[in-house]
Amino acid sequence: MAESLEGANNDLMVCLELYHSFGFSYKDVKLPV
């Protein structure tokens, strides 16, 4: 709280895909998961 939490909003926007999609699908990843 003493530093910045502004970026938490950016994470939230990414999670909810409010501005755009992730830009890729998890299915595109070919490495073992």
PDB file of all heavy atoms in Angstrom:
ATOM      1  N   MET A   1       0.824  -1.208   0.000  1.00  0.00           N
ATOM      2  CA  MET A   1       0.000   0.000   0.000  1.00  0.00           C
ATOM      3  C   MET A   1       0.861   1.262   0.000  1.00  0.00           C
ATOM      4  O   MET A   1       0.438   2.309  -0.463  1.00  0.00           O
ATOM      5  CB  MET A   1      -0.929  -0.002   1.211  1.00  0.00           C
ATOM      6  CG  MET A   1      -1.921  -1.163   1.246  1.00  0.00           C
ATOM      7  SD  MET A   1      -2.965  -1.258  -0.226  1.00  0.00           S
ATOM      8  CE  MET A   1      -3.958   0.212  -0.014  1.00  0.00           C
ATOM      9  N   ALA A   2       2.088   1.167   0.540  1.00  0.00           N
ATOM     10  CA  ALA A   2       2.986   2.318   0.577  1.00  0.00           C
ATOM     11  C   ALA A   2       3.538   2.638  -0.807  1.00  0.00           C
ATOM     12  O   ALA A   2       3.939   3.775  -1.064  1.00  0.00           O
ATOM     13  CB  ALA A   2       4.132   2.064   1.545  1.00  0.00           C
ATOM     14  N   GLU A   3       3.560   1.648  -1.688  1.00  0.00           N
ATOM     15  CA  GLU A   3       4.045   1.884  -3.048  1.00  0.00           C
ATOM     16  C   GLU A   3       2.842   2.036  -3.982  1.00  0.00           C
ATOM     17  O   GLU A   3       1.866   2.675  -3.610  1.00  0.00           O
ATOM     18  CB  GLU A   3       4.986   0.746  -3.462  1.00  0.00           C
ATOM     19  CG  GLU A   3       6.262   0.733  -2.619  1.00  0.00           C
ATOM     20  CD  GLU A   3       7.264  -0.304  -3.053  1.00  0.00           C
ATOM     21  OE1 GLU A   3       7.145  -0.853  -4.161  1.00  0.00           O
ATOM     22  OE2 GLU A   3       8.186  -0.583  -2.270  1.00  0.00           O
ATOM     23  N   SER A   4       2.876   1.468  -5.149  1.00  0.00           N
ATOM     24  CA  SER A   4       1.800   1.703  -6.118  1.00  0.00           C
ATOM     25  C   SER A   4       0.973   0.445  -6.355  1.00  0.00           C
ATOM     26  O   SER A   4       1.523  -0.650  -6.480  1.00  0.00           O
ATOM     27  CB  SER A   4       2.378   2.174  -7.454  1.00  0.00           C
ATOM     28  OG  SER A   4       1.353   2.282  -8.422  1.00  0.00           O
ATOM     29  N   LEU A   5      -0.336   0.621  -6.410  1.00  0.00           N
ATOM     30  CA  LEU A   5      -1.242  -0.460  -6.777  1.00  0.00           C
ATOM     31  C   LEU A   5      -1.980  -0.150  -8.075  1.00  0.00           C
ATOM     32  O   LEU A   5      -2.901  -0.848  -8.453  1.00  0.00           O
ATOM     33  CB  LEU A   5      -2.267  -0.702  -5.659  1.00  0.00           C
ATOM     34  CG  LEU A   5      -1.868  -1.720  -4.592  1.00  0.00           C
ATOM     35  CD1 LEU A   5      -2.923  -1.783  -3.514  1.00  0.00           C
ATOM     36  CD2 LEU A   5      -1.660  -3.092  -5.201  1.00  0.00           C
ATOM     37  N   GLU A   6      -1.551   0.928  -8.738  1.00  0.00           N
ATOM     38  CA  GLU A   6      -2.226   1.315  -9.968  1.00  0.00           C
ATOM     39  C   GLU A   6      -2.193   0.201 -11.001  1.00  0.00           C
ATOM     40  O   GLU A   6      -3.138  -0.002 -11.760  1.00  0.00           O
ATOM     41  CB  GLU A   6      -1.571   2.578 -10.542  1.00  0.00           C
ATOM     42  CG  GLU A   6      -2.286   3.132 -11.768  1.00  0.00           C
ATOM     43  CD  GLU A   6      -1.635   4.397 -12.275  1.00  0.00           C
ATOM     44  OE1 GLU A   6      -0.756   4.935 -11.562  1.00  0.00           O
ATOM     45  OE2 GLU A   6      -1.985   4.851 -13.376  1.00  0.00           O
ATOM     46  N   GLY A   7      -1.090  -0.537 -11.008  1.00  0.00           N
ATOM     47  CA  GLY A   7      -0.964  -1.620 -11.976  1.00  0.00           C
ATOM     48  C   GLY A   7      -1.918  -2.766 -11.740  1.00  0.00           C
ATOM     49  O   GLY A   7      -2.149  -3.584 -12.634  1.00  0.00           O
ATOM     50  N   ALA A   8      -2.487  -2.850 -10.512  1.00  0.00           N
ATOM     51  CA  ALA A   8      -3.481  -3.884 -10.256  1.00  0.00           C
ATOM     52  C   ALA A   8      -4.671  -3.702 -11.180  1.00  0.00           C
ATOM     53  O   ALA A   8      -5.308  -4.670 -11.610  1.00  0.00           O
ATOM     54  CB  ALA A   8      -3.926  -3.846  -8.796  1.00  0.00           C
ATOM     55  N   ASN A   9      -4.973  -2.451 -11.508  1.00  0.00           N
ATOM     56  CA  ASN A   9      -6.063  -2.183 -12.447  1.00  0.00           C
ATOM     57  C   ASN A   9      -5.726  -2.713 -13.838  1.00  0.00           C
ATOM     58  O   ASN A   9      -6.599  -3.229 -14.534  1.00  0.00           O
ATOM     59  CB  ASN A   9      -6.333  -0.668 -12.520  1.00  0.00           C
ATOM     60  CG  ASN A   9      -6.825  -0.109 -11.199  1.00  0.00           C
ATOM     61  OD1 ASN A   9      -7.631  -0.731 -10.517  1.00  0.00           O
ATOM     62  ND2 ASN A   9      -6.316   1.038 -10.826  1.00  0.00           N
ATOM     63  N   ASN A  10      -4.455  -2.562 -14.237  1.00  0.00           N
ATOM     64  CA  ASN A  10      -4.040  -3.088 -15.535  1.00  0.00           C
ATOM     65  C   ASN A  10      -4.220  -4.600 -15.587  1.00  0.00           C
ATOM     66  O   ASN A  10      -4.691  -5.153 -16.584  1.00  0.00           O
ATOM     67  CB  ASN A  10      -2.578  -2.733 -15.811  1.00  0.00           C
ATOM     68  CG  ASN A  10      -2.365  -1.254 -16.035  1.00  0.00           C
ATOM     69  OD1 ASN A  10      -3.312  -0.479 -16.059  1.00  0.00           O
ATOM     70  ND2 ASN A  10      -1.126  -0.861 -16.185  1.00  0.00           N
ATOM     71  N   ASP A  11      -3.806  -5.276 -14.493  1.00  0.00           N
ATOM     72  CA  ASP A  11      -3.996  -6.728 -14.424  1.00  0.00           C
ATOM     73  C   ASP A  11      -5.464  -7.088 -14.541  1.00  0.00           C
ATOM     74  O   ASP A  11      -5.840  -8.049 -15.219  1.00  0.00           O
ATOM     75  CB  ASP A  11      -3.454  -7.274 -13.093  1.00  0.00           C
ATOM     76  CG  ASP A  11      -1.967  -7.576 -13.148  1.00  0.00           C
ATOM     77  OD1 ASP A  11      -1.416  -7.627 -14.265  1.00  0.00           O
ATOM     78  OD2 ASP A  11      -1.370  -7.780 -12.087  1.00  0.00           O
ATOM     79  N   LEU A  12      -6.294  -6.313 -13.860  1.00  0.00           N
ATOM     80  CA  LEU A  12      -7.723  -6.586 -13.869  1.00  0.00           C
ATOM     81  C   LEU A  12      -8.299  -6.420 -15.271  1.00  0.00           C
ATOM     82  O   LEU A  12      -9.116  -7.228 -15.723  1.00  0.00           O
ATOM     83  CB  LEU A  12      -8.429  -5.655 -12.887  1.00  0.00           C
ATOM     84  CG  LEU A  12      -9.863  -6.006 -12.510  1.00  0.00           C
ATOM     85  CD1 LEU A  12      -9.953  -7.411 -11.945  1.00  0.00           C
ATOM     86  CD2 LEU A  12     -10.417  -4.992 -11.517  1.00  0.00           C
ATOM     87  N   MET A  13      -7.853  -5.379 -15.958  1.00  0.00           N
ATOM     88  CA  MET A  13      -8.326  -5.162 -17.326  1.00  0.00           C
ATOM     89  C   MET A  13      -7.893  -6.302 -18.250  1.00  0.00           C
ATOM     90  O   MET A  13      -8.632  -6.709 -19.143  1.00  0.00           O
ATOM     91  CB  MET A  13      -7.794  -3.822 -17.873  1.00  0.00           C
ATOM     92  CG  MET A  13      -8.223  -2.586 -17.100  1.00  0.00           C
ATOM     93  SD  MET A  13     -10.008  -2.349 -17.001  1.00  0.00           S
ATOM     94  CE  MET A  13     -10.294  -2.760 -15.271  1.00  0.00           C
ATOM     95  N   VAL A  14      -6.667  -6.817 -18.013  1.00  0.00           N
ATOM     96  CA  VAL A  14      -6.182  -7.951 -18.813  1.00  0.00           C
ATOM     97  C   VAL A  14      -7.012  -9.191 -18.530  1.00  0.00           C
ATOM     98  O   VAL A  14      -7.453  -9.895 -19.449  1.00  0.00           O
ATOM     99  CB  VAL A  14      -4.689  -8.226 -18.520  1.00  0.00           C
ATOM    100  CG1 VAL A  14      -4.262  -9.561 -19.109  1.00  0.00           C
ATOM    101  CG2 VAL A  14      -3.817  -7.120 -19.104  1.00  0.00           C
ATOM    102  N   CYS A  15      -7.236  -9.474 -17.248  1.00  0.00           N
ATOM    103  CA  CYS A  15      -8.002 -10.666 -16.871  1.00  0.00           C
ATOM    104  C   CYS A  15      -9.407 -10.655 -17.466  1.00  0.00           C
ATOM    105  O   CYS A  15      -9.912 -11.681 -17.919  1.00  0.00           O
ATOM    106  CB  CYS A  15      -8.097 -10.778 -15.356  1.00  0.00           C
ATOM    107  SG  CYS A  15      -6.557 -11.209 -14.541  1.00  0.00           S
ATOM    108  N   LEU A  16     -10.027  -9.477 -17.434  1.00  0.00           N
ATOM    109  CA  LEU A  16     -11.411  -9.365 -17.912  1.00  0.00           C
ATOM    110  C   LEU A  16     -11.485  -9.093 -19.410  1.00  0.00           C
ATOM    111  O   LEU A  16     -12.586  -9.049 -19.966  1.00  0.00           O
ATOM    112  CB  LEU A  16     -12.135  -8.253 -17.144  1.00  0.00           C
ATOM    113  CG  LEU A  16     -12.159  -8.419 -15.622  1.00  0.00           C
ATOM    114  CD1 LEU A  16     -12.915  -7.270 -14.978  1.00  0.00           C
ATOM    115  CD2 LEU A  16     -12.778  -9.743 -15.242  1.00  0.00           C
ATOM    116  N   GLU A  17     -10.312  -8.887 -20.029  1.00  0.00           N
ATOM    117  CA  GLU A  17     -10.240  -8.639 -21.475  1.00  0.00           C
ATOM    118  C   GLU A  17     -11.170  -7.495 -21.881  1.00  0.00           C
ATOM    119  O   GLU A  17     -11.876  -7.559 -22.890  1.00  0.00           O
ATOM    120  CB  GLU A  17     -10.584  -9.921 -22.246  1.00  0.00           C
ATOM    121  CG  GLU A  17      -9.684 -11.102 -21.876  1.00  0.00           C
ATOM    122  CD  GLU A  17     -10.119 -12.402 -22.515  1.00  0.00           C
ATOM    123  OE1 GLU A  17      -9.987 -12.522 -23.741  1.00  0.00           O
ATOM    124  OE2 GLU A  17     -10.580 -13.301 -21.771  1.00  0.00           O
ATOM    125  N   LEU A  18     -11.157  -6.415 -21.090  1.00  0.00           N
ATOM    126  CA  LEU A  18     -12.066  -5.299 -21.332  1.00  0.00           C
ATOM    127  C   LEU A  18     -11.614  -4.422 -22.498  1.00  0.00           C
ATOM    128  O   LEU A  18     -12.439  -3.855 -23.207  1.00  0.00           O
ATOM    129  CB  LEU A  18     -12.196  -4.447 -20.071  1.00  0.00           C
ATOM    130  CG  LEU A  18     -12.968  -5.103 -18.926  1.00  0.00           C
ATOM    131  CD1 LEU A  18     -13.072  -4.154 -17.737  1.00  0.00           C
ATOM    132  CD2 LEU A  18     -14.374  -5.502 -19.381  1.00  0.00           C
ATOM    133  N   TYR A  19     -10.302  -4.276 -22.688  1.00  0.00           N
ATOM    134  CA  TYR A  19      -9.808  -3.450 -23.787  1.00  0.00           C
ATOM    135  C   TYR A  19      -9.453  -4.283 -25.009  1.00  0.00           C
ATOM    136  O   TYR A  19      -9.626  -3.847 -26.136  1.00  0.00           O
ATOM    137  CB  TYR A  19      -8.584  -2.643 -23.327  1.00  0.00           C
ATOM    138  CG  TYR A  19      -8.927  -1.574 -22.334  1.00  0.00           C
ATOM    139  CD1 TYR A  19      -8.419  -1.619 -21.041  1.00  0.00           C
ATOM    140  CD2 TYR A  19      -9.773  -0.519 -22.667  1.00  0.00           C
ATOM    141  CE1 TYR A  19      -8.727  -0.637 -20.109  1.00  0.00           C
ATOM    142  CE2 TYR A  19     -10.089   0.466 -21.747  1.00  0.00           C
ATOM    143  CZ  TYR A  19      -9.566   0.400 -20.470  1.00  0.00           C
ATOM    144  OH  TYR A  19      -9.884   1.371 -19.547  1.00  0.00           O
ATOM    145  N   HIS A  20      -8.944  -5.473 -24.780  1.00  0.00           N
ATOM    146  CA  HIS A  20      -8.576  -6.371 -25.869  1.00  0.00           C
ATOM    147  C   HIS A  20      -8.369  -7.761 -25.290  1.00  0.00           C
ATOM    148  O   HIS A  20      -8.293  -7.944 -24.066  1.00  0.00           O
ATOM    149  CB  HIS A  20      -7.305  -5.895 -26.584  1.00  0.00           C
ATOM    150  CG  HIS A  20      -6.297  -5.271 -25.672  1.00  0.00           C
ATOM    151  ND1 HIS A  20      -5.673  -5.970 -24.670  1.00  0.00           N
ATOM    152  CD2 HIS A  20      -5.840  -3.999 -25.593  1.00  0.00           C
ATOM    153  CE1 HIS A  20      -4.856  -5.160 -24.017  1.00  0.00           C
ATOM    154  NE2 HIS A  20      -4.935  -3.963 -24.547  1.00  0.00           N
ATOM    155  N   SER A  21      -8.242  -8.739 -26.148  1.00  0.00           N
ATOM    156  CA  SER A  21      -8.030 -10.115 -25.704  1.00  0.00           C
ATOM    157  C   SER A  21      -6.586 -10.290 -25.239  1.00  0.00           C
ATOM    158  O   SER A  21      -5.771  -9.369 -25.330  1.00  0.00           O
ATOM    159  CB  SER A  21      -8.328 -11.091 -26.841  1.00  0.00           C
ATOM    160  OG  SER A  21      -7.387 -10.924 -27.891  1.00  0.00           O
ATOM    161  N   PHE A  22      -6.263 -11.474 -24.740  1.00  0.00           N
ATOM    162  CA  PHE A  22      -4.894 -11.760 -24.310  1.00  0.00           C
ATOM    163  C   PHE A  22      -3.900 -11.536 -25.442  1.00  0.00           C
ATOM    164  O   PHE A  22      -2.739 -11.246 -25.213  1.00  0.00           O
ATOM    165  CB  PHE A  22      -4.766 -13.211 -23.830  1.00  0.00           C
ATOM    166  CG  PHE A  22      -5.522 -13.512 -22.560  1.00  0.00           C
ATOM    167  CD1 PHE A  22      -5.696 -14.826 -22.148  1.00  0.00           C
ATOM    168  CD2 PHE A  22      -6.045 -12.506 -21.774  1.00  0.00           C
ATOM    169  CE1 PHE A  22      -6.380 -15.128 -20.984  1.00  0.00           C
ATOM    170  CE2 PHE A  22      -6.735 -12.781 -20.607  1.00  0.00           C
ATOM    171  CZ  PHE A  22      -6.906 -14.101 -20.208  1.00  0.00           C
ATOM    172  N   GLY A  23      -4.346 -11.700 -26.671  1.00  0.00           N
ATOM    173  CA  GLY A  23      -3.447 -11.604 -27.818  1.00  0.00           C
ATOM    174  C   GLY A  23      -2.954 -12.959 -28.291  1.00  0.00           C
ATOM    175  O   GLY A  23      -2.214 -13.052 -29.262  1.00  0.00           O
ATOM    176  N   PHE A  24      -3.368 -14.001 -27.591  1.00  0.00           N
ATOM    177  CA  PHE A  24      -3.004 -15.370 -27.962  1.00  0.00           C
ATOM    178  C   PHE A  24      -3.925 -16.305 -27.201  1.00  0.00           C
ATOM    179  O   PHE A  24      -4.648 -15.902 -26.284  1.00  0.00           O
ATOM    180  CB  PHE A  24      -1.544 -15.666 -27.616  1.00  0.00           C
ATOM    181  CG  PHE A  24      -1.273 -15.724 -26.136  1.00  0.00           C
ATOM    182  CD1 PHE A  24      -1.187 -16.941 -25.472  1.00  0.00           C
ATOM    183  CD2 PHE A  24      -1.113 -14.555 -25.390  1.00  0.00           C
ATOM    184  CE1 PHE A  24      -0.947 -17.001 -24.107  1.00  0.00           C
ATOM    185  CE2 PHE A  24      -0.877 -14.602 -24.021  1.00  0.00           C
ATOM    186  CZ  PHE A  24      -0.792 -15.827 -23.385  1.00  0.00           C
ATOM    187  N   SER A  25      -3.907 -17.566 -27.590  1.00  0.00           N
ATOM    188  CA  SER A  25      -4.666 -18.585 -26.881  1.00  0.00           C
ATOM    189  C   SER A  25      -3.704 -19.526 -26.165  1.00  0.00           C
ATOM    190  O   SER A  25      -2.605 -19.791 -26.667  1.00  0.00           O
ATOM    191  CB  SER A  25      -5.541 -19.382 -27.853  1.00  0.00           C
ATOM    192  OG  SER A  25      -6.108 -20.523 -27.213  1.00  0.00           O
ATOM    193  N   TYR A  26      -4.103 -20.016 -25.017  1.00  0.00           N
ATOM    194  CA  TYR A  26      -3.268 -21.003 -24.330  1.00  0.00           C
ATOM    195  C   TYR A  26      -2.979 -22.202 -25.234  1.00  0.00           C
ATOM    196  O   TYR A  26      -1.940 -22.855 -25.094  1.00  0.00           O
ATOM    197  CB  TYR A  26      -3.968 -21.493 -23.065  1.00  0.00           C
ATOM    198  CG  TYR A  26      -3.943 -20.512 -21.899  1.00  0.00           C
ATOM    199  CD1 TYR A  26      -4.546 -20.833 -20.689  1.00  0.00           C
ATOM    200  CD2 TYR A  26      -3.312 -19.272 -21.991  1.00  0.00           C
ATOM    201  CE1 TYR A  26      -4.530 -19.960 -19.611  1.00  0.00           C
ATOM    202  CE2 TYR A  26      -3.292 -18.396 -20.930  1.00  0.00           C
ATOM    203  CZ  TYR A  26      -3.908 -18.742 -19.732  1.00  0.00           C
ATOM    204  OH  TYR A  26      -3.886 -17.880 -18.660  1.00  0.00           O
ATOM    205  N   LYS A  27      -3.889 -22.480 -26.142  1.00  0.00           N
ATOM    206  CA  LYS A  27      -3.707 -23.612 -27.051  1.00  0.00           C
ATOM    207  C   LYS A  27      -2.532 -23.398 -27.999  1.00  0.00           C
ATOM    208  O   LYS A  27      -2.043 -24.360 -28.604  1.00  0.00           O
ATOM    209  CB  LYS A  27      -4.988 -23.861 -27.851  1.00  0.00           C
ATOM    210  CG  LYS A  27      -6.151 -24.353 -27.011  1.00  0.00           C
ATOM    211  CD  LYS A  27      -7.353 -24.729 -27.855  1.00  0.00           C
ATOM    212  CE  LYS A  27      -7.999 -23.516 -28.482  1.00  0.00           C
ATOM    213  NZ  LYS A  27      -9.245 -23.869 -29.208  1.00  0.00           N
ATOM    214  N   ASP A  28      -2.084 -22.144 -28.134  1.00  0.00           N
ATOM    215  CA  ASP A  28      -0.940 -21.857 -29.004  1.00  0.00           C
ATOM    216  C   ASP A  28       0.387 -22.299 -28.374  1.00  0.00           C
ATOM    217  O   ASP A  28       1.398 -22.415 -29.069  1.00  0.00           O
ATOM    218  CB  ASP A  28      -0.862 -20.356 -29.301  1.00  0.00           C
ATOM    219  CG  ASP A  28      -2.088 -19.850 -30.047  1.00  0.00           C
ATOM    220  OD1 ASP A  28      -2.717 -20.659 -30.760  1.00  0.00           O
ATOM    221  OD2 ASP A  28      -2.420 -18.655 -29.905  1.00  0.00           O
ATOM    222  N   VAL A  29       0.391 -22.513 -27.071  1.00  0.00           N
ATOM    223  CA  VAL A  29       1.621 -22.884 -26.357  1.00  0.00           C
ATOM    224  C   VAL A  29       1.899 -24.366 -26.579  1.00  0.00           C
ATOM    225  O   VAL A  29       1.068 -25.219 -26.272  1.00  0.00           O
ATOM    226  CB  VAL A  29       1.493 -22.573 -24.857  1.00  0.00           C
ATOM    227  CG1 VAL A  29       2.726 -23.070 -24.107  1.00  0.00           C
ATOM    228  CG2 VAL A  29       1.307 -21.074 -24.645  1.00  0.00           C
ATOM    229  N   LYS A  30       3.072 -24.672 -27.099  1.00  0.00           N
ATOM    230  CA  LYS A  30       3.441 -26.058 -27.435  1.00  0.00           C
ATOM    231  C   LYS A  30       4.354 -26.702 -26.396  1.00  0.00           C
ATOM    232  O   LYS A  30       4.627 -27.894 -26.479  1.00  0.00           O
ATOM    233  CB  LYS A  30       4.120 -26.094 -28.806  1.00  0.00           C
ATOM    234  CG  LYS A  30       3.304 -25.430 -29.922  1.00  0.00           C
ATOM    235  CD  LYS A  30       1.893 -26.006 -30.019  1.00  0.00           C
ATOM    236  CE  LYS A  30       1.097 -25.327 -31.132  1.00  0.00           C
ATOM    237  NZ  LYS A  30      -0.315 -25.806 -31.157  1.00  0.00           N
ATOM    238  N   LEU A  31       4.850 -25.933 -25.451  1.00  0.00           N
ATOM    239  CA  LEU A  31       5.685 -26.494 -24.403  1.00  0.00           C
ATOM    240  C   LEU A  31       4.848 -27.311 -23.421  1.00  0.00           C
ATOM    241  O   LEU A  31       3.643 -27.080 -23.291  1.00  0.00           O
ATOM    242  CB  LEU A  31       6.398 -25.371 -23.648  1.00  0.00           C
ATOM    243  CG  LEU A  31       7.499 -24.615 -24.383  1.00  0.00           C
ATOM    244  CD1 LEU A  31       7.944 -23.412 -23.562  1.00  0.00           C
ATOM    245  CD2 LEU A  31       8.685 -25.533 -24.662  1.00  0.00           C
ATOM    246  N   PRO A  32       5.457 -28.245 -22.699  1.00  0.00           N
ATOM    247  CA  PRO A  32       4.717 -28.959 -21.649  1.00  0.00           C
ATOM    248  C   PRO A  32       4.257 -27.985 -20.567  1.00  0.00           C
ATOM    249  O   PRO A  32       4.994 -27.070 -20.192  1.00  0.00           O
ATOM    250  CB  PRO A  32       5.744 -29.953 -21.098  1.00  0.00           C
ATOM    251  CG  PRO A  32       6.802 -30.060 -22.143  1.00  0.00           C
ATOM    252  CD  PRO A  32       6.838 -28.739 -22.843  1.00  0.00           C
ATOM    253  N   VAL A  33       3.049 -28.181 -20.080  1.00  0.00           N
ATOM    254  CA  VAL A  33       2.471 -27.328 -19.036  1.00  0.00           C
ATOM    255  C   VAL A  33       1.990 -28.222 -17.897  1.00  0.00           C
ATOM    256  O   VAL A  33       1.340 -29.241 -18.144  1.00  0.00           O
ATOM    257  CB  VAL A  33       1.299 -26.495 -19.572  1.00  0.00           C
ATOM    258  CG1 VAL A  33       0.658 -25.666 -18.451  1.00  0.00           C
ATOM    259  CG2 VAL A  33       1.752 -25.582 -20.716  1.00  0.00           C
TER     260      VAL A  33
END
